[in-house]
Amino acid sequence: MNLENKVIWITGASSGIGEATVYQFAKHPVKLILSARREAELQRVATQTGLPSENILILPMDVEQYEHFPQMVQKAIKHFGQIDILYNNAGISQRSFVAETDLSVYERILKIDLLSVIALTKEVLPYMIQRKSGQIAVTSSVAGKVATPGRSGYAAAKFGLHGFFDALRAEVYHDNIGVTVVCPGYINTDISKNALSSDGTQYGKMDQNQLKGMSAEKCSEKIFKAIIENKAEVYIGGKEVMGVYLKRFLPRLLNKIILKQAPK
C-alpha cells in the first residue's frame, strides 16, 4: 500500500497501542485523524508525530456516545475529503467473575468494545464503498479467540468482533475494501489498570502478565505491517498466542490449562 497522502483515522489514539500505532503511520507522508476522550493527550500525541499541523485532525470522541458519530464522520470527510484507513482501537477490559458482576458492567463493555466499533464502521463504510477503496482494522484480542476466567464480558465483545468483521470482509471484498482483525496478547499498556471491576469501578492494578508483556512499540510495528499488507487476522504477543492454535488443534488440552486458572 502506497501511504502517501492517505488519511488514517485511529481511535484510542491517546495512549497504549493506539498512540504507538499513530507514530508508526507518522513515519510516512500521511494525514491523521486522532480520536480519544482526552483532547490534551491527543494534542501531545499530535505534536510528537512531527507531522505538519495541517496533516492532523484532532477529533475528540467518547465512543459510548455513538449517536454523535455521523457528525464526526462528516467533519472528517469535510476536512480531508476521504478516509482511507479506519483503525478501531478504542476499548476497555474487565477483571471480574460472572457471579459477582453487575449487568451494567456487561452493558458498558459491549457498548464500548463491540457496538461502538460497529457504529463507527457503518458510518465510514459508505464513503469507502463509493470510492471502491479502503481498509478497516480493529483491535480484538487473543481473548477474542480464547476466553479465560475474569474476562467473560471482554471475551464476549471480542468474540463478537470476529463474527462481525469476518462477515464484513466477505461483503466488501468486491468493493476493494480490506478488513484486518488484530489480536494482541499481553502487551505492556495500562489496559488492566483501566479495566472494569465487578461494580463498574476501575480495577486500578497492573497485571503481572501485562507488565512482562510485549512493548506497545513492538506491537504497533506488527499492527502497521498487518494493516498495510491487508492481513485478514494477526496474533501478536508471546507464548499466550499459542492458545489460539491449541484451541484449533488441541482443544481438550487448552481446556485443561484454562481450568487450572479457575477460582477456588
Protein backbone atom coordinates (compact mmCIF):
# COMPACT_ATOMS: atom_id res chain seq x y z
CA MET A 1 0.00 0.00 0.00
CA ASN A 2 1.30 3.41 -1.00
CA LEU A 3 0.67 5.59 2.05
CA GLU A 4 1.40 8.97 0.51
CA ASN A 5 -1.45 11.37 1.35
CA LYS A 6 -3.55 8.54 2.75
CA VAL A 7 -5.97 9.56 5.51
CA ILE A 8 -5.79 7.29 8.56
CA TRP A 9 -8.31 7.53 11.42
CA ILE A 10 -7.20 5.93 14.69
CA THR A 11 -9.43 5.72 17.76
CA GLY A 12 -7.98 5.24 21.22
CA ALA A 13 -5.05 7.28 19.91
CA SER A 14 -4.07 9.00 23.17
CA SER A 15 -2.18 6.10 24.80
CA GLY A 16 -1.01 2.49 24.59
CA ILE A 17 -1.31 0.58 21.32
CA GLY A 18 -3.24 3.38 19.65
CA GLU A 19 -0.61 6.03 20.38
CA ALA A 20 2.22 3.73 19.33
CA THR A 21 0.45 2.93 16.04
CA VAL A 22 -0.02 6.65 15.35
CA TYR A 23 3.76 7.04 15.42
CA GLN A 24 4.21 4.13 13.01
CA PHE A 25 1.97 5.76 10.43
CA ALA A 26 3.51 9.19 11.10
CA LYS A 27 6.83 7.91 9.71
CA HIS A 28 5.16 8.25 6.31
CA PRO A 29 3.67 11.27 4.46
CA VAL A 30 0.14 10.61 5.70
CA LYS A 31 -2.77 12.57 7.11
CA LEU A 32 -4.07 11.51 10.52
CA ILE A 33 -7.34 11.76 12.36
CA LEU A 34 -6.77 11.18 16.07
CA SER A 35 -9.64 10.30 18.39
CA ALA A 36 -9.94 9.57 22.11
CA ARG A 37 -11.66 11.22 25.07
CA ARG A 38 -8.69 13.24 26.32
CA GLU A 39 -8.12 16.16 23.95
CA ALA A 40 -4.97 17.35 25.74
CA GLU A 41 -3.37 13.93 25.30
CA LEU A 42 -4.33 13.90 21.63
CA GLN A 43 -2.62 17.29 21.27
CA ARG A 44 0.50 15.81 22.87
CA VAL A 45 0.49 12.83 20.51
CA ALA A 46 -0.08 15.09 17.50
CA THR A 47 2.93 17.22 18.44
CA GLN A 48 5.14 14.17 18.90
CA THR A 49 4.34 12.82 15.44
CA GLY A 50 6.42 15.56 13.87
CA LEU A 51 3.87 15.92 11.08
CA PRO A 52 2.70 19.37 9.93
CA SER A 53 -0.36 20.56 11.81
CA GLU A 54 -2.38 20.66 8.60
CA ASN A 55 -1.85 16.90 8.26
CA ILE A 56 -3.58 16.13 11.56
CA LEU A 57 -7.20 16.48 12.63
CA ILE A 58 -7.83 16.07 16.35
CA LEU A 59 -11.35 14.73 16.78
CA PRO A 60 -12.13 14.08 20.48
CA MET A 61 -14.55 11.20 20.89
CA ASP A 62 -16.32 9.27 23.63
CA VAL A 63 -17.11 6.00 21.85
CA GLU A 64 -20.03 5.33 24.21
CA GLN A 65 -21.82 8.28 22.60
CA TYR A 66 -22.08 6.83 19.12
CA GLU A 67 -25.14 8.93 18.34
CA HIS A 68 -22.55 11.64 17.54
CA PHE A 69 -20.65 9.50 15.03
CA PRO A 70 -22.49 10.75 11.92
CA GLN A 71 -21.46 14.34 12.63
CA MET A 72 -17.88 13.29 13.41
CA VAL A 73 -17.56 11.35 10.16
CA GLN A 74 -18.97 14.33 8.27
CA LYS A 75 -16.38 16.58 9.93
CA ALA A 76 -13.57 14.17 8.97
CA ILE A 77 -14.74 13.96 5.36
CA LYS A 78 -15.17 17.73 5.12
CA HIS A 79 -11.64 18.26 6.49
CA PHE A 80 -9.68 15.72 4.42
CA GLY A 81 -12.16 14.67 1.71
CA GLN A 82 -11.75 10.94 2.34
CA ILE A 83 -10.92 8.22 4.86
CA ASP A 84 -8.55 5.57 3.53
CA ILE A 85 -7.88 3.56 6.70
CA LEU A 86 -10.07 3.29 9.79
CA TYR A 87 -8.40 1.65 12.78
CA ASN A 88 -10.96 0.93 15.51
CA ASN A 89 -8.70 0.62 18.53
CA ALA A 90 -10.57 2.20 21.47
CA GLY A 91 -11.76 -0.29 24.08
CA ILE A 92 -11.89 -1.35 27.70
CA SER A 93 -11.16 -4.61 29.53
CA GLN A 94 -12.60 -6.38 32.57
CA ARG A 95 -11.38 -8.02 35.77
CA SER A 96 -14.34 -9.74 37.48
CA PHE A 97 -16.12 -13.09 37.69
CA VAL A 98 -19.60 -13.65 36.24
CA ALA A 99 -21.41 -14.34 39.53
CA GLU A 100 -20.15 -11.08 41.02
CA THR A 101 -20.52 -8.76 38.03
CA ASP A 102 -23.34 -6.24 37.66
CA LEU A 103 -25.26 -6.46 34.40
CA SER A 104 -24.47 -2.78 33.83
CA VAL A 105 -20.78 -3.71 33.53
CA TYR A 106 -21.56 -6.12 30.70
CA GLU A 107 -23.73 -3.49 29.02
CA ARG A 108 -20.91 -0.94 29.14
CA ILE A 109 -18.25 -3.34 27.88
CA LEU A 110 -20.43 -4.44 24.96
CA LYS A 111 -21.25 -0.83 24.17
CA ILE A 112 -17.60 0.26 24.11
CA ASP A 113 -15.88 -2.82 22.68
CA LEU A 114 -18.48 -4.03 20.19
CA LEU A 115 -21.41 -1.73 19.42
CA SER A 116 -19.38 1.47 19.12
CA VAL A 117 -16.99 -0.26 16.72
CA ILE A 118 -19.91 -1.47 14.59
CA ALA A 119 -21.46 2.01 14.69
CA LEU A 120 -18.32 3.87 13.55
CA THR A 121 -17.54 1.28 10.88
CA LYS A 122 -21.06 1.59 9.47
CA GLU A 123 -20.74 5.40 9.28
CA VAL A 124 -17.40 5.29 7.45
CA LEU A 125 -18.17 2.32 5.18
CA PRO A 126 -20.44 4.09 2.62
CA TYR A 127 -17.63 6.52 1.75
CA MET A 128 -15.22 3.66 1.15
CA ILE A 129 -17.77 1.78 -0.94
CA GLN A 130 -18.39 4.90 -3.01
CA ARG A 131 -14.65 5.21 -3.74
CA LYS A 132 -14.16 1.43 -4.14
CA SER A 133 -11.17 1.69 -1.83
CA GLY A 134 -10.33 1.44 1.86
CA GLN A 135 -9.02 -0.57 4.77
CA ILE A 136 -10.79 -1.20 8.07
CA ALA A 137 -8.87 -2.57 11.05
CA VAL A 138 -9.98 -3.40 14.57
CA THR A 139 -8.25 -4.32 17.80
CA SER A 140 -9.70 -7.58 19.05
CA SER A 141 -7.59 -9.73 21.38
CA VAL A 142 -6.32 -13.24 21.93
CA ALA A 143 -9.31 -13.16 24.32
CA GLY A 144 -11.44 -12.93 21.19
CA LYS A 145 -10.35 -16.49 20.45
CA VAL A 146 -9.70 -17.94 23.91
CA ALA A 147 -11.83 -16.96 26.91
CA THR A 148 -10.37 -17.16 30.42
CA PRO A 149 -11.75 -16.55 33.95
CA GLY A 150 -12.44 -12.95 34.85
CA ARG A 151 -12.83 -11.78 31.24
CA SER A 152 -16.34 -13.00 30.33
CA GLY A 153 -17.72 -9.67 29.12
CA TYR A 154 -14.48 -8.68 27.41
CA ALA A 155 -14.30 -12.05 25.65
CA ALA A 156 -17.95 -11.82 24.61
CA ALA A 157 -17.35 -8.44 22.96
CA LYS A 158 -14.14 -9.55 21.26
CA PHE A 159 -15.66 -12.81 20.02
CA GLY A 160 -18.44 -10.65 18.58
CA LEU A 161 -15.95 -8.52 16.67
CA HIS A 162 -14.66 -11.59 14.86
CA GLY A 163 -18.13 -12.56 13.72
CA PHE A 164 -18.98 -9.05 12.53
CA PHE A 165 -15.71 -8.37 10.71
CA ASP A 166 -15.45 -11.83 9.14
CA ALA A 167 -18.88 -11.22 7.61
CA LEU A 168 -17.96 -7.67 6.58
CA ARG A 169 -14.74 -8.83 4.92
CA ALA A 170 -16.68 -11.08 2.57
CA GLU A 171 -19.37 -8.46 1.91
CA VAL A 172 -16.94 -5.71 0.80
CA TYR A 173 -14.32 -7.85 -0.97
CA HIS A 174 -15.52 -6.82 -4.44
CA ASP A 175 -15.55 -3.17 -3.35
CA ASN A 176 -11.77 -3.37 -2.88
CA ILE A 177 -12.05 -2.82 0.87
CA GLY A 178 -9.81 -4.83 3.20
CA VAL A 179 -10.57 -5.88 6.77
CA THR A 180 -7.86 -6.64 9.33
CA VAL A 181 -8.56 -8.07 12.80
CA VAL A 182 -5.69 -7.52 15.25
CA CYS A 183 -5.42 -9.92 18.19
CA PRO A 184 -2.87 -8.76 20.78
CA GLY A 185 -1.96 -10.94 23.74
CA TYR A 186 -0.13 -9.50 26.73
CA ILE A 187 1.06 -6.01 25.79
CA ASN A 188 2.64 -3.64 28.31
CA THR A 189 -0.06 -0.98 28.47
CA ASP A 190 -2.46 0.29 31.13
CA ILE A 191 -5.31 -1.95 29.93
CA SER A 192 -5.55 -3.81 33.24
CA LYS A 193 -5.40 -0.58 35.28
CA ASN A 194 -8.28 0.85 33.26
CA ALA A 195 -10.32 -2.37 33.28
CA LEU A 196 -13.77 -2.51 34.89
CA SER A 197 -14.29 -4.34 38.19
CA SER A 198 -17.48 -6.17 39.15
CA ASP A 199 -19.28 -2.96 40.17
CA GLY A 200 -18.04 -0.89 37.22
CA THR A 201 -15.26 0.92 39.07
CA GLN A 202 -11.72 1.00 37.72
CA TYR A 203 -9.62 -2.06 38.56
CA GLY A 204 -6.57 0.13 39.06
CA LYS A 205 -3.87 -2.56 39.15
CA MET A 206 -1.19 -3.59 36.70
CA ASP A 207 -1.37 -7.30 35.87
CA GLN A 208 1.97 -9.09 36.00
CA ASN A 209 1.30 -10.62 32.59
CA GLN A 210 0.81 -7.12 31.19
CA LEU A 211 3.90 -5.81 32.95
CA LYS A 212 6.03 -8.57 31.40
CA GLY A 213 4.33 -8.32 28.02
CA MET A 214 5.50 -7.07 24.66
CA SER A 215 6.05 -3.31 24.39
CA ALA A 216 3.37 -1.23 22.72
CA GLU A 217 6.03 -0.03 20.27
CA LYS A 218 6.89 -3.53 19.07
CA CYS A 219 3.21 -4.44 18.93
CA SER A 220 2.46 -1.37 16.81
CA GLU A 221 5.14 -2.35 14.29
CA LYS A 222 3.34 -5.63 13.72
CA ILE A 223 -0.05 -3.90 13.55
CA PHE A 224 1.21 -1.42 10.99
CA LYS A 225 2.61 -4.22 8.84
CA ALA A 226 -0.62 -6.23 9.08
CA ILE A 227 -2.77 -3.26 8.02
CA ILE A 228 -0.70 -2.15 5.04
CA GLU A 229 -0.39 -5.75 3.86
CA ASN A 230 -4.15 -6.28 4.24
CA LYS A 231 -3.79 -9.29 6.53
CA ALA A 232 -7.13 -10.81 7.47
CA GLU A 233 -6.09 -11.63 11.03
CA VAL A 234 -2.90 -11.31 13.05
CA TYR A 235 -1.89 -12.60 16.51
CA ILE A 236 0.65 -10.53 18.43
CA GLY A 237 2.34 -11.36 21.73
CA GLY A 238 4.35 -14.08 23.44
CA LYS A 239 3.58 -17.66 24.37
CA GLU A 240 -0.05 -16.75 25.16
CA VAL A 241 -0.66 -16.64 21.40
CA MET A 242 -0.22 -20.40 21.38
CA GLY A 243 -3.65 -20.59 23.00
CA VAL A 244 -5.20 -19.73 19.63
CA TYR A 245 -3.54 -22.73 17.99
CA LEU A 246 -4.22 -25.04 20.92
CA LYS A 247 -7.91 -24.21 20.67
CA ARG A 248 -7.87 -25.06 16.97
CA PHE A 249 -5.85 -28.26 17.11
CA LEU A 250 -5.82 -29.45 20.75
CA PRO A 251 -8.99 -28.02 22.36
CA ARG A 252 -9.10 -30.58 25.19
CA LEU A 253 -5.58 -29.69 26.25
CA LEU A 254 -6.40 -25.99 26.20
CA ASN A 255 -9.50 -26.61 28.31
CA LYS A 256 -7.39 -28.34 30.96
CA ILE A 257 -4.97 -25.40 31.00
CA ILE A 258 -7.79 -22.88 31.41
CA LEU A 259 -9.49 -24.90 34.16
CA LYS A 260 -6.30 -24.70 36.20
CA GLN A 261 -6.90 -20.94 36.30
CA ALA A 262 -10.39 -21.40 37.74
CA PRO A 263 -11.05 -19.58 41.04
CA LYS A 264 -11.13 -21.74 44.18
